[in-house]
Amino acid sequence: MTPVPSHETLVFRALSDTEELPIDLLLLADPSRSLVEDYARRGRCFVAESQGQMLGVYVLLPTRPETAELVNVAVDERWHGRGIGKKLVAHAVDTAREARCRTLEVGTGNSSIGQLALYQKCGFRIVGVDLDFFVRHYPEPIYENGLHCRDMIRLSMDL
């Protein structure tokens, strides 16, 4: 097993406008290529790299005044379970604070048990449920952890 990169070797950076989206990574968190391309174009895409290898990605999307949404957090499957996701979320929180946001929001599927735990461990609180969100916005049913992903669990953090 490859050792976990330390915080010092994990480098975060925003993708430039000329760089191609890491679509394969982004599709790990959202199966809709058209939705991913749309919100990635409207937001800012950040990557986490170690020794020239892209390990994870997130997209931060301004939504309302002083508010941003973390719309995609994905980690290369070979690096799952090693704290990369937590570091991505922490970087997103810092980035939103630096942009003078007062609120950071995130939504995840009712079946995304690991993601729900991660966001709460990072300080997000559940603020609502968008019933049947994934049924309305995705043509194919999504199953995860043996559950039908139907509802979006909305979480928020005051910065």
N, C-alpha and C. Protein backbone atom coordinates (compact mmCIF):
# COMPACT_ATOMS: atom_id res chain seq x y z
N MET A 1 0.84 -1.17 0.00
CA MET A 1 0.00 0.00 0.00
C MET A 1 0.89 1.24 0.00
N THR A 2 0.57 2.17 -0.86
CA THR A 2 1.32 3.42 -0.95
C THR A 2 1.09 4.24 0.31
N PRO A 3 2.17 4.83 0.88
CA PRO A 3 1.98 5.62 2.10
C PRO A 3 1.12 6.85 1.85
N VAL A 4 0.44 7.27 2.90
CA VAL A 4 -0.41 8.45 2.84
C VAL A 4 0.47 9.67 2.74
N PRO A 5 0.20 10.57 1.79
CA PRO A 5 0.98 11.79 1.72
C PRO A 5 0.75 12.63 2.97
N SER A 6 1.80 13.17 3.51
CA SER A 6 1.63 14.04 4.66
C SER A 6 1.02 15.36 4.20
N HIS A 7 0.57 16.15 5.18
CA HIS A 7 -0.02 17.44 4.84
C HIS A 7 0.99 18.30 4.07
N GLU A 8 2.28 18.14 4.37
CA GLU A 8 3.31 18.93 3.71
C GLU A 8 3.48 18.55 2.24
N THR A 9 3.22 17.29 1.89
CA THR A 9 3.42 16.87 0.51
C THR A 9 2.15 16.97 -0.33
N LEU A 10 1.03 17.24 0.31
CA LEU A 10 -0.22 17.40 -0.41
C LEU A 10 -0.35 18.86 -0.81
N VAL A 11 -0.38 19.11 -2.12
CA VAL A 11 -0.43 20.47 -2.63
C VAL A 11 -1.81 20.72 -3.23
N PHE A 12 -2.43 21.84 -2.81
CA PHE A 12 -3.73 22.23 -3.34
C PHE A 12 -3.54 23.39 -4.30
N ARG A 13 -4.30 23.35 -5.40
CA ARG A 13 -4.24 24.46 -6.34
C ARG A 13 -5.53 24.52 -7.13
N ALA A 14 -5.85 25.73 -7.57
CA ALA A 14 -7.01 25.92 -8.44
C ALA A 14 -6.61 25.55 -9.86
N LEU A 15 -7.49 24.87 -10.56
CA LEU A 15 -7.23 24.60 -11.98
C LEU A 15 -7.30 25.91 -12.74
N SER A 16 -6.43 26.06 -13.72
CA SER A 16 -6.49 27.25 -14.56
C SER A 16 -7.60 27.06 -15.60
N ASP A 17 -8.00 28.16 -16.22
CA ASP A 17 -9.06 28.10 -17.23
C ASP A 17 -8.66 27.27 -18.45
N THR A 18 -7.36 27.10 -18.66
CA THR A 18 -6.90 26.36 -19.83
C THR A 18 -6.72 24.87 -19.56
N GLU A 19 -6.77 24.46 -18.29
CA GLU A 19 -6.60 23.05 -17.96
C GLU A 19 -7.91 22.29 -18.14
N GLU A 20 -7.77 21.05 -18.54
CA GLU A 20 -8.92 20.17 -18.70
C GLU A 20 -9.44 19.76 -17.33
N LEU A 21 -10.75 19.67 -17.20
CA LEU A 21 -11.33 19.19 -15.95
C LEU A 21 -10.92 17.74 -15.70
N PRO A 22 -10.65 17.38 -14.45
CA PRO A 22 -10.38 15.96 -14.14
C PRO A 22 -11.72 15.22 -14.06
N ILE A 23 -12.33 15.08 -15.22
CA ILE A 23 -13.70 14.58 -15.31
C ILE A 23 -13.86 13.19 -14.69
N ASP A 24 -12.87 12.31 -14.87
CA ASP A 24 -12.98 10.97 -14.30
C ASP A 24 -13.10 11.03 -12.78
N LEU A 25 -12.35 11.92 -12.15
CA LEU A 25 -12.45 12.08 -10.70
C LEU A 25 -13.79 12.69 -10.32
N LEU A 26 -14.19 13.74 -11.01
CA LEU A 26 -15.44 14.42 -10.68
C LEU A 26 -16.65 13.49 -10.83
N LEU A 27 -16.59 12.60 -11.80
CA LEU A 27 -17.70 11.66 -12.01
C LEU A 27 -17.81 10.61 -10.91
N LEU A 28 -16.78 10.47 -10.08
CA LEU A 28 -16.86 9.56 -8.94
C LEU A 28 -17.89 10.08 -7.92
N ALA A 29 -18.04 11.40 -7.85
CA ALA A 29 -18.96 12.00 -6.88
C ALA A 29 -20.30 12.37 -7.48
N ASP A 30 -20.38 12.42 -8.80
CA ASP A 30 -21.63 12.82 -9.47
C ASP A 30 -21.66 12.14 -10.83
N PRO A 31 -22.62 11.25 -11.08
CA PRO A 31 -22.62 10.49 -12.33
C PRO A 31 -23.08 11.27 -13.56
N SER A 32 -23.50 12.51 -13.40
CA SER A 32 -24.00 13.27 -14.55
C SER A 32 -22.91 14.17 -15.12
N ARG A 33 -22.37 13.77 -16.26
CA ARG A 33 -21.31 14.56 -16.90
C ARG A 33 -21.79 15.97 -17.23
N SER A 34 -23.02 16.10 -17.71
CA SER A 34 -23.51 17.43 -18.09
C SER A 34 -23.64 18.33 -16.87
N LEU A 35 -24.14 17.81 -15.75
CA LEU A 35 -24.24 18.61 -14.53
C LEU A 35 -22.86 18.99 -14.00
N VAL A 36 -21.94 18.03 -14.00
CA VAL A 36 -20.57 18.29 -13.53
C VAL A 36 -19.93 19.39 -14.37
N GLU A 37 -20.02 19.27 -15.68
CA GLU A 37 -19.41 20.28 -16.56
C GLU A 37 -20.05 21.65 -16.34
N ASP A 38 -21.36 21.68 -16.10
CA ASP A 38 -22.06 22.94 -15.89
C ASP A 38 -21.60 23.62 -14.60
N TYR A 39 -21.65 22.92 -13.47
CA TYR A 39 -21.28 23.60 -12.22
C TYR A 39 -19.78 23.82 -12.10
N ALA A 40 -18.97 22.98 -12.73
CA ALA A 40 -17.52 23.22 -12.72
C ALA A 40 -17.18 24.49 -13.51
N ARG A 41 -17.92 24.75 -14.57
CA ARG A 41 -17.71 25.94 -15.38
C ARG A 41 -18.12 27.21 -14.61
N ARG A 42 -19.17 27.09 -13.80
CA ARG A 42 -19.67 28.25 -13.03
C ARG A 42 -18.90 28.47 -11.73
N GLY A 43 -18.19 27.43 -11.25
CA GLY A 43 -17.46 27.53 -10.00
C GLY A 43 -15.97 27.49 -10.21
N ARG A 44 -15.25 27.20 -9.13
CA ARG A 44 -13.79 27.05 -9.20
C ARG A 44 -13.44 25.62 -8.81
N CYS A 45 -12.62 24.99 -9.63
CA CYS A 45 -12.21 23.62 -9.40
C CYS A 45 -10.82 23.62 -8.77
N PHE A 46 -10.67 22.89 -7.66
CA PHE A 46 -9.39 22.78 -6.96
C PHE A 46 -8.97 21.31 -6.94
N VAL A 47 -7.68 21.08 -7.05
CA VAL A 47 -7.16 19.72 -7.00
C VAL A 47 -6.14 19.60 -5.88
N ALA A 48 -6.01 18.38 -5.38
CA ALA A 48 -4.99 18.04 -4.40
C ALA A 48 -4.04 17.08 -5.10
N GLU A 49 -2.76 17.42 -5.07
CA GLU A 49 -1.75 16.61 -5.75
C GLU A 49 -0.63 16.25 -4.79
N SER A 50 0.01 15.14 -5.07
CA SER A 50 1.20 14.73 -4.35
C SER A 50 2.17 14.12 -5.35
N GLN A 51 3.34 14.65 -5.39
CA GLN A 51 4.38 14.16 -6.31
C GLN A 51 3.87 14.06 -7.74
N GLY A 52 3.14 15.10 -8.16
CA GLY A 52 2.66 15.18 -9.54
C GLY A 52 1.44 14.34 -9.84
N GLN A 53 0.91 13.63 -8.85
CA GLN A 53 -0.26 12.78 -9.05
C GLN A 53 -1.49 13.45 -8.44
N MET A 54 -2.57 13.53 -9.21
CA MET A 54 -3.81 14.11 -8.73
C MET A 54 -4.54 13.08 -7.87
N LEU A 55 -4.75 13.43 -6.60
CA LEU A 55 -5.39 12.51 -5.66
C LEU A 55 -6.85 12.84 -5.40
N GLY A 56 -7.20 14.12 -5.52
CA GLY A 56 -8.57 14.51 -5.23
C GLY A 56 -8.92 15.83 -5.86
N VAL A 57 -10.21 16.16 -5.79
CA VAL A 57 -10.71 17.36 -6.44
C VAL A 57 -11.96 17.83 -5.69
N TYR A 58 -12.20 19.13 -5.74
CA TYR A 58 -13.48 19.66 -5.29
C TYR A 58 -13.82 20.88 -6.12
N VAL A 59 -15.12 21.22 -6.13
CA VAL A 59 -15.61 22.40 -6.84
C VAL A 59 -16.34 23.28 -5.83
N LEU A 60 -15.97 24.55 -5.82
CA LEU A 60 -16.60 25.54 -4.96
C LEU A 60 -17.39 26.49 -5.86
N LEU A 61 -18.68 26.62 -5.55
CA LEU A 61 -19.59 27.38 -6.41
C LEU A 61 -20.25 28.51 -5.61
N PRO A 62 -20.02 29.77 -6.03
CA PRO A 62 -20.74 30.86 -5.37
C PRO A 62 -22.23 30.72 -5.67
N THR A 63 -23.07 30.87 -4.65
CA THR A 63 -24.51 30.68 -4.86
C THR A 63 -25.31 31.95 -4.58
N ARG A 64 -25.05 32.58 -3.45
CA ARG A 64 -25.73 33.82 -3.05
C ARG A 64 -24.66 34.73 -2.44
N PRO A 65 -25.01 35.98 -2.16
CA PRO A 65 -24.02 36.84 -1.51
C PRO A 65 -23.49 36.20 -0.22
N GLU A 66 -22.19 36.18 -0.09
CA GLU A 66 -21.48 35.65 1.08
C GLU A 66 -21.73 34.16 1.32
N THR A 67 -22.15 33.44 0.29
CA THR A 67 -22.44 32.01 0.41
C THR A 67 -21.83 31.26 -0.76
N ALA A 68 -21.25 30.11 -0.45
CA ALA A 68 -20.73 29.23 -1.49
C ALA A 68 -21.21 27.81 -1.18
N GLU A 69 -21.21 27.00 -2.22
CA GLU A 69 -21.57 25.59 -2.04
C GLU A 69 -20.43 24.72 -2.52
N LEU A 70 -20.11 23.73 -1.72
CA LEU A 70 -19.15 22.70 -2.08
C LEU A 70 -19.95 21.66 -2.86
N VAL A 71 -19.82 21.66 -4.19
CA VAL A 71 -20.72 20.85 -5.01
C VAL A 71 -20.15 19.50 -5.45
N ASN A 72 -18.88 19.27 -5.23
CA ASN A 72 -18.30 17.99 -5.64
C ASN A 72 -17.02 17.80 -4.85
N VAL A 73 -16.91 16.70 -4.15
CA VAL A 73 -15.66 16.32 -3.47
C VAL A 73 -15.39 14.89 -3.88
N ALA A 74 -14.26 14.65 -4.52
CA ALA A 74 -13.95 13.31 -4.97
C ALA A 74 -12.49 12.98 -4.74
N VAL A 75 -12.24 11.74 -4.36
CA VAL A 75 -10.89 11.24 -4.12
C VAL A 75 -10.68 10.01 -5.00
N ASP A 76 -9.54 9.97 -5.66
CA ASP A 76 -9.16 8.80 -6.46
C ASP A 76 -9.39 7.56 -5.59
N GLU A 77 -10.07 6.57 -6.13
CA GLU A 77 -10.44 5.38 -5.36
C GLU A 77 -9.24 4.67 -4.74
N ARG A 78 -8.07 4.79 -5.35
CA ARG A 78 -6.87 4.16 -4.78
C ARG A 78 -6.42 4.84 -3.50
N TRP A 79 -6.96 6.01 -3.22
CA TRP A 79 -6.55 6.79 -2.05
C TRP A 79 -7.67 6.93 -1.01
N HIS A 80 -8.76 6.19 -1.18
CA HIS A 80 -9.86 6.26 -0.21
C HIS A 80 -9.40 5.80 1.16
N GLY A 81 -10.02 6.37 2.18
CA GLY A 81 -9.75 5.95 3.55
C GLY A 81 -8.45 6.45 4.13
N ARG A 82 -7.85 7.46 3.52
CA ARG A 82 -6.55 7.94 3.99
C ARG A 82 -6.55 9.41 4.41
N GLY A 83 -7.75 9.97 4.59
CA GLY A 83 -7.84 11.34 5.07
C GLY A 83 -7.79 12.42 4.00
N ILE A 84 -7.71 12.02 2.74
CA ILE A 84 -7.65 13.01 1.65
C ILE A 84 -8.95 13.80 1.58
N GLY A 85 -10.09 13.13 1.70
CA GLY A 85 -11.38 13.81 1.64
C GLY A 85 -11.49 14.87 2.71
N LYS A 86 -11.06 14.55 3.92
CA LYS A 86 -11.11 15.51 5.03
C LYS A 86 -10.23 16.72 4.74
N LYS A 87 -9.07 16.48 4.13
CA LYS A 87 -8.17 17.59 3.77
C LYS A 87 -8.77 18.45 2.65
N LEU A 88 -9.47 17.82 1.71
CA LEU A 88 -10.14 18.58 0.65
C LEU A 88 -11.22 19.48 1.24
N VAL A 89 -12.03 18.93 2.14
CA VAL A 89 -13.09 19.72 2.76
C VAL A 89 -12.50 20.86 3.58
N ALA A 90 -11.44 20.59 4.34
CA ALA A 90 -10.79 21.64 5.14
C ALA A 90 -10.26 22.75 4.23
N HIS A 91 -9.68 22.38 3.10
CA HIS A 91 -9.17 23.38 2.16
C HIS A 91 -10.32 24.19 1.58
N ALA A 92 -11.44 23.55 1.29
CA ALA A 92 -12.61 24.27 0.77
C ALA A 92 -13.13 25.27 1.80
N VAL A 93 -13.15 24.88 3.06
CA VAL A 93 -13.58 25.78 4.13
C VAL A 93 -12.65 26.99 4.19
N ASP A 94 -11.35 26.73 4.18
CA ASP A 94 -10.37 27.84 4.21
C ASP A 94 -10.52 28.75 2.99
N THR A 95 -10.73 28.16 1.82
CA THR A 95 -10.88 28.93 0.58
C THR A 95 -12.13 29.80 0.64
N ALA A 96 -13.23 29.25 1.15
CA ALA A 96 -14.47 30.02 1.27
C ALA A 96 -14.29 31.17 2.27
N ARG A 97 -13.59 30.91 3.36
CA ARG A 97 -13.32 31.98 4.34
C ARG A 97 -12.49 33.09 3.71
N GLU A 98 -11.44 32.70 2.96
CA GLU A 98 -10.58 33.69 2.31
C GLU A 98 -11.37 34.53 1.30
N ALA A 99 -12.41 33.94 0.72
CA ALA A 99 -13.27 34.66 -0.24
C ALA A 99 -14.34 35.48 0.49
N ARG A 100 -14.24 35.55 1.79
CA ARG A 100 -15.14 36.31 2.66
C ARG A 100 -16.58 35.78 2.67
N CYS A 101 -16.71 34.48 2.45
CA CYS A 101 -18.02 33.86 2.58
C CYS A 101 -18.36 33.73 4.07
N ARG A 102 -19.62 33.83 4.37
CA ARG A 102 -20.08 33.66 5.75
C ARG A 102 -20.73 32.31 5.95
N THR A 103 -21.12 31.67 4.84
CA THR A 103 -21.79 30.37 4.91
C THR A 103 -21.24 29.47 3.81
N LEU A 104 -20.99 28.22 4.17
CA LEU A 104 -20.60 27.20 3.20
C LEU A 104 -21.63 26.09 3.29
N GLU A 105 -22.17 25.71 2.14
CA GLU A 105 -23.20 24.68 2.08
C GLU A 105 -22.70 23.48 1.30
N VAL A 106 -23.31 22.35 1.55
CA VAL A 106 -23.00 21.13 0.80
C VAL A 106 -24.25 20.27 0.80
N GLY A 107 -24.42 19.51 -0.25
CA GLY A 107 -25.53 18.57 -0.33
C GLY A 107 -24.99 17.21 -0.72
N THR A 108 -25.58 16.17 -0.17
CA THR A 108 -25.15 14.82 -0.51
C THR A 108 -26.35 13.88 -0.46
N GLY A 109 -26.22 12.74 -1.06
CA GLY A 109 -27.32 11.80 -1.16
C GLY A 109 -27.63 11.12 0.16
N ASN A 110 -28.90 10.76 0.33
CA ASN A 110 -29.31 10.03 1.54
C ASN A 110 -28.57 8.71 1.68
N SER A 111 -28.06 8.18 0.59
CA SER A 111 -27.35 6.91 0.61
C SER A 111 -25.84 7.07 0.79
N SER A 112 -25.37 8.31 0.83
CA SER A 112 -23.94 8.60 0.94
C SER A 112 -23.51 8.65 2.40
N ILE A 113 -23.53 7.50 3.03
CA ILE A 113 -23.31 7.40 4.48
C ILE A 113 -21.93 7.93 4.88
N GLY A 114 -20.89 7.55 4.16
CA GLY A 114 -19.55 8.01 4.48
C GLY A 114 -19.40 9.51 4.32
N GLN A 115 -20.01 10.07 3.28
CA GLN A 115 -19.93 11.50 3.04
C GLN A 115 -20.70 12.28 4.12
N LEU A 116 -21.85 11.77 4.52
CA LEU A 116 -22.62 12.42 5.60
C LEU A 116 -21.80 12.49 6.88
N ALA A 117 -21.12 11.41 7.20
CA ALA A 117 -20.26 11.39 8.39
C ALA A 117 -19.10 12.36 8.23
N LEU A 118 -18.46 12.35 7.06
CA LEU A 118 -17.32 13.24 6.82
C LEU A 118 -17.72 14.71 7.00
N TYR A 119 -18.79 15.12 6.37
CA TYR A 119 -19.18 16.53 6.44
C TYR A 119 -19.49 16.93 7.88
N GLN A 120 -20.15 16.06 8.64
CA GLN A 120 -20.46 16.40 10.02
C GLN A 120 -19.19 16.44 10.88
N LYS A 121 -18.26 15.54 10.63
CA LYS A 121 -16.98 15.56 11.35
C LYS A 121 -16.21 16.85 11.06
N CYS A 122 -16.43 17.41 9.87
CA CYS A 122 -15.75 18.64 9.47
C CYS A 122 -16.47 19.90 9.96
N GLY A 123 -17.60 19.73 10.64
CA GLY A 123 -18.29 20.87 11.22
C GLY A 123 -19.59 21.30 10.56
N PHE A 124 -20.02 20.60 9.53
CA PHE A 124 -21.29 20.93 8.88
C PHE A 124 -22.44 20.39 9.72
N ARG A 125 -23.58 21.07 9.65
CA ARG A 125 -24.79 20.65 10.34
C ARG A 125 -25.88 20.41 9.30
N ILE A 126 -26.71 19.40 9.53
CA ILE A 126 -27.84 19.12 8.64
C ILE A 126 -28.88 20.22 8.82
N VAL A 127 -29.28 20.81 7.68
CA VAL A 127 -30.26 21.91 7.73
C VAL A 127 -31.52 21.61 6.94
N GLY A 128 -31.53 20.52 6.20
CA GLY A 128 -32.74 20.22 5.45
C GLY A 128 -32.59 19.01 4.54
N VAL A 129 -33.68 18.65 3.93
CA VAL A 129 -33.73 17.53 2.99
C VAL A 129 -34.50 17.99 1.77
N ASP A 130 -33.91 17.81 0.58
CA ASP A 130 -34.59 18.09 -0.68
C ASP A 130 -35.13 16.74 -1.18
N LEU A 131 -36.40 16.49 -0.87
CA LEU A 131 -37.00 15.19 -1.20
C LEU A 131 -37.01 14.94 -2.70
N ASP A 132 -36.63 13.73 -3.08
CA ASP A 132 -36.63 13.26 -4.47
C ASP A 132 -35.73 14.07 -5.41
N PHE A 133 -34.75 14.78 -4.87
CA PHE A 133 -33.83 15.56 -5.70
C PHE A 133 -33.20 14.71 -6.80
N PHE A 134 -32.66 13.54 -6.41
CA PHE A 134 -31.94 12.71 -7.39
C PHE A 134 -32.89 12.02 -8.36
N VAL A 135 -34.13 11.81 -7.96
CA VAL A 135 -35.14 11.24 -8.86
C VAL A 135 -35.50 12.29 -9.93
N ARG A 136 -35.61 13.54 -9.51
CA ARG A 136 -35.98 14.62 -10.44
C ARG A 136 -34.85 15.01 -11.39
N HIS A 137 -33.60 14.93 -10.94
CA HIS A 137 -32.49 15.50 -11.72
C HIS A 137 -31.60 14.47 -12.44
N TYR A 138 -31.80 13.20 -12.20
CA TYR A 138 -30.96 12.17 -12.82
C TYR A 138 -31.85 11.15 -13.51
N PRO A 139 -31.59 10.88 -14.78
CA PRO A 139 -32.48 9.98 -15.54
C PRO A 139 -32.41 8.52 -15.08
N GLU A 140 -31.26 8.10 -14.59
CA GLU A 140 -31.10 6.71 -14.14
C GLU A 140 -31.10 6.66 -12.61
N PRO A 141 -31.70 5.64 -12.03
CA PRO A 141 -31.65 5.51 -10.57
C PRO A 141 -30.20 5.34 -10.09
N ILE A 142 -29.90 5.91 -8.94
CA ILE A 142 -28.57 5.81 -8.33
C ILE A 142 -28.70 4.93 -7.09
N TYR A 143 -27.83 3.92 -6.98
CA TYR A 143 -27.79 3.06 -5.80
C TYR A 143 -26.39 3.14 -5.21
N GLU A 144 -26.36 3.23 -3.89
CA GLU A 144 -25.09 3.36 -3.18
C GLU A 144 -25.28 2.74 -1.80
N ASN A 145 -24.31 1.96 -1.37
CA ASN A 145 -24.40 1.30 -0.06
C ASN A 145 -25.68 0.48 0.09
N GLY A 146 -26.17 -0.07 -1.02
CA GLY A 146 -27.37 -0.88 -0.99
C GLY A 146 -28.66 -0.09 -0.84
N LEU A 147 -28.57 1.24 -0.98
CA LEU A 147 -29.73 2.11 -0.83
C LEU A 147 -30.02 2.87 -2.12
N HIS A 148 -31.28 3.12 -2.37
CA HIS A 148 -31.67 3.96 -3.50
C HIS A 148 -31.43 5.42 -3.09
N CYS A 149 -30.61 6.11 -3.83
CA CYS A 149 -30.32 7.52 -3.56
C CYS A 149 -31.44 8.35 -4.17
N ARG A 150 -32.30 8.88 -3.30
CA ARG A 150 -33.45 9.65 -3.76
C ARG A 150 -33.36 11.11 -3.31
N ASP A 151 -33.01 11.30 -2.04
CA ASP A 151 -33.10 12.62 -1.42
C ASP A 151 -31.72 13.25 -1.22
N MET A 152 -31.67 14.57 -1.34
CA MET A 152 -30.43 15.30 -1.05
C MET A 152 -30.50 15.80 0.38
N ILE A 153 -29.51 15.43 1.16
CA ILE A 153 -29.37 15.93 2.53
C ILE A 153 -28.56 17.21 2.43
N ARG A 154 -29.12 18.31 2.89
CA ARG A 154 -28.48 19.62 2.83
C ARG A 154 -27.79 19.90 4.16
N LEU A 155 -26.51 20.33 4.09
CA LEU A 155 -25.75 20.67 5.28
C LEU A 155 -25.17 22.06 5.10
N SER A 156 -24.87 22.71 6.21
CA SER A 156 -24.38 24.08 6.17
C SER A 156 -23.39 24.30 7.31
N MET A 157 -22.50 25.27 7.09
CA MET A 157 -21.52 25.65 8.10
C MET A 157 -21.42 27.17 8.11
N ASP A 158 -21.53 27.74 9.30
CA ASP A 158 -21.28 29.18 9.44
C ASP A 158 -19.77 29.37 9.51
N LEU A 159 -19.26 30.29 8.69
CA LEU A 159 -17.83 30.54 8.68
C LEU A 159 -17.53 31.71 9.55
